[in-house]
Amino acid sequence: MPTKKSKKKITPKIVDIVEEKTTTPRTAKIVLFVFGVGPLILMCLFLFSNGFFNSPR
């Protein structure tokens, strides 16, 4: 006996999920600042606190 395969209907929920994951320019700027400029500032603060930029006398 052959078996019947059921077909599922695709719901429009997939479209809603795609619209929620859009990147705005504001979030892109925040991410670039945190991961780009943030580590540079932290490294400079660390080096200043350890006296890296002081002249050896």
C-alpha atoms as a PDB file:
ATOM      1  CA  MET A   1       0.000   0.000   0.000  1.00  0.00           C
ATOM      2  CA  PRO A   2       1.420   3.422  -0.903  1.00  0.00           C
ATOM      3  CA  THR A   3       1.558   5.964   1.890  1.00  0.00           C
ATOM      4  CA  LYS A   4       0.365   9.533   1.509  1.00  0.00           C
ATOM      5  CA  LYS A   5       2.757  12.350   2.275  1.00  0.00           C
ATOM      6  CA  SER A   6       1.291  15.327   4.052  1.00  0.00           C
ATOM      7  CA  LYS A   7       2.257  18.822   2.969  1.00  0.00           C
ATOM      8  CA  LYS A   8       2.632  21.557   5.534  1.00  0.00           C
ATOM      9  CA  LYS A   9       1.580  25.102   4.770  1.00  0.00           C
ATOM     10  CA  ILE A  10       4.267  27.744   5.188  1.00  0.00           C
ATOM     11  CA  THR A  11       3.177  30.466   7.573  1.00  0.00           C
ATOM     12  CA  PRO A  12       4.171  34.140   7.246  1.00  0.00           C
ATOM     13  CA  LYS A  13       6.063  34.018  10.578  1.00  0.00           C
ATOM     14  CA  ILE A  14       9.362  33.753   8.696  1.00  0.00           C
ATOM     15  CA  VAL A  15       8.873  37.241   7.259  1.00  0.00           C
ATOM     16  CA  ASP A  16       8.313  38.695  10.741  1.00  0.00           C
ATOM     17  CA  ILE A  17      11.547  37.159  12.055  1.00  0.00           C
ATOM     18  CA  VAL A  18      13.585  38.636   9.186  1.00  0.00           C
ATOM     19  CA  GLU A  19      12.206  42.129   9.798  1.00  0.00           C
ATOM     20  CA  GLU A  20      13.193  42.040  13.479  1.00  0.00           C
ATOM     21  CA  LYS A  21      16.881  41.379  12.744  1.00  0.00           C
ATOM     22  CA  THR A  22      17.573  44.528  10.720  1.00  0.00           C
ATOM     23  CA  THR A  23      20.623  46.551  11.712  1.00  0.00           C
ATOM     24  CA  THR A  24      20.159  50.262  12.198  1.00  0.00           C
ATOM     25  CA  PRO A  25      22.982  52.756  11.681  1.00  0.00           C
ATOM     26  CA  ARG A  26      22.841  53.660  15.366  1.00  0.00           C
ATOM     27  CA  THR A  27      23.538  50.116  16.544  1.00  0.00           C
ATOM     28  CA  ALA A  28      26.311  49.772  13.963  1.00  0.00           C
ATOM     29  CA  LYS A  29      28.012  52.897  15.315  1.00  0.00           C
ATOM     30  CA  ILE A  30      27.731  51.655  18.891  1.00  0.00           C
ATOM     31  CA  VAL A  31      29.264  48.295  17.977  1.00  0.00           C
ATOM     32  CA  LEU A  32      32.117  49.941  16.070  1.00  0.00           C
ATOM     33  CA  PHE A  33      32.851  52.254  18.992  1.00  0.00           C
ATOM     34  CA  VAL A  34      32.788  49.518  21.623  1.00  0.00           C
ATOM     35  CA  PHE A  35      34.934  47.038  19.710  1.00  0.00           C
ATOM     36  CA  GLY A  36      37.109  49.530  17.818  1.00  0.00           C
ATOM     37  CA  VAL A  37      37.858  52.538  19.987  1.00  0.00           C
ATOM     38  CA  GLY A  38      37.127  50.966  23.367  1.00  0.00           C
ATOM     39  CA  PRO A  39      40.116  48.586  23.450  1.00  0.00           C
ATOM     40  CA  LEU A  40      42.458  51.383  22.316  1.00  0.00           C
ATOM     41  CA  ILE A  41      41.334  53.596  25.188  1.00  0.00           C
ATOM     42  CA  LEU A  42      41.717  50.739  27.660  1.00  0.00           C
ATOM     43  CA  MET A  43      45.240  49.964  26.418  1.00  0.00           C
ATOM     44  CA  CYS A  44      46.286  53.608  26.735  1.00  0.00           C
ATOM     45  CA  LEU A  45      44.908  53.808  30.272  1.00  0.00           C
ATOM     46  CA  PHE A  46      46.743  50.616  31.211  1.00  0.00           C
ATOM     47  CA  LEU A  47      50.038  51.871  29.781  1.00  0.00           C
ATOM     48  CA  PHE A  48      49.684  55.259  31.489  1.00  0.00           C
ATOM     49  CA  SER A  49      48.933  53.592  34.823  1.00  0.00           C
ATOM     50  CA  ASN A  50      52.082  51.446  34.554  1.00  0.00           C
ATOM     51  CA  GLY A  51      54.299  54.435  33.675  1.00  0.00           C
ATOM     52  CA  PHE A  52      55.039  53.373  30.107  1.00  0.00           C
ATOM     53  CA  PHE A  53      55.073  56.950  28.798  1.00  0.00           C
ATOM     54  CA  ASN A  54      57.248  58.391  31.604  1.00  0.00           C
ATOM     55  CA  SER A  55      60.828  59.247  30.714  1.00  0.00           C
ATOM     56  CA  PRO A  56      63.423  57.080  32.481  1.00  0.00           C
ATOM     57  CA  ARG A  57      65.517  59.237  34.822  1.00  0.00           C
END
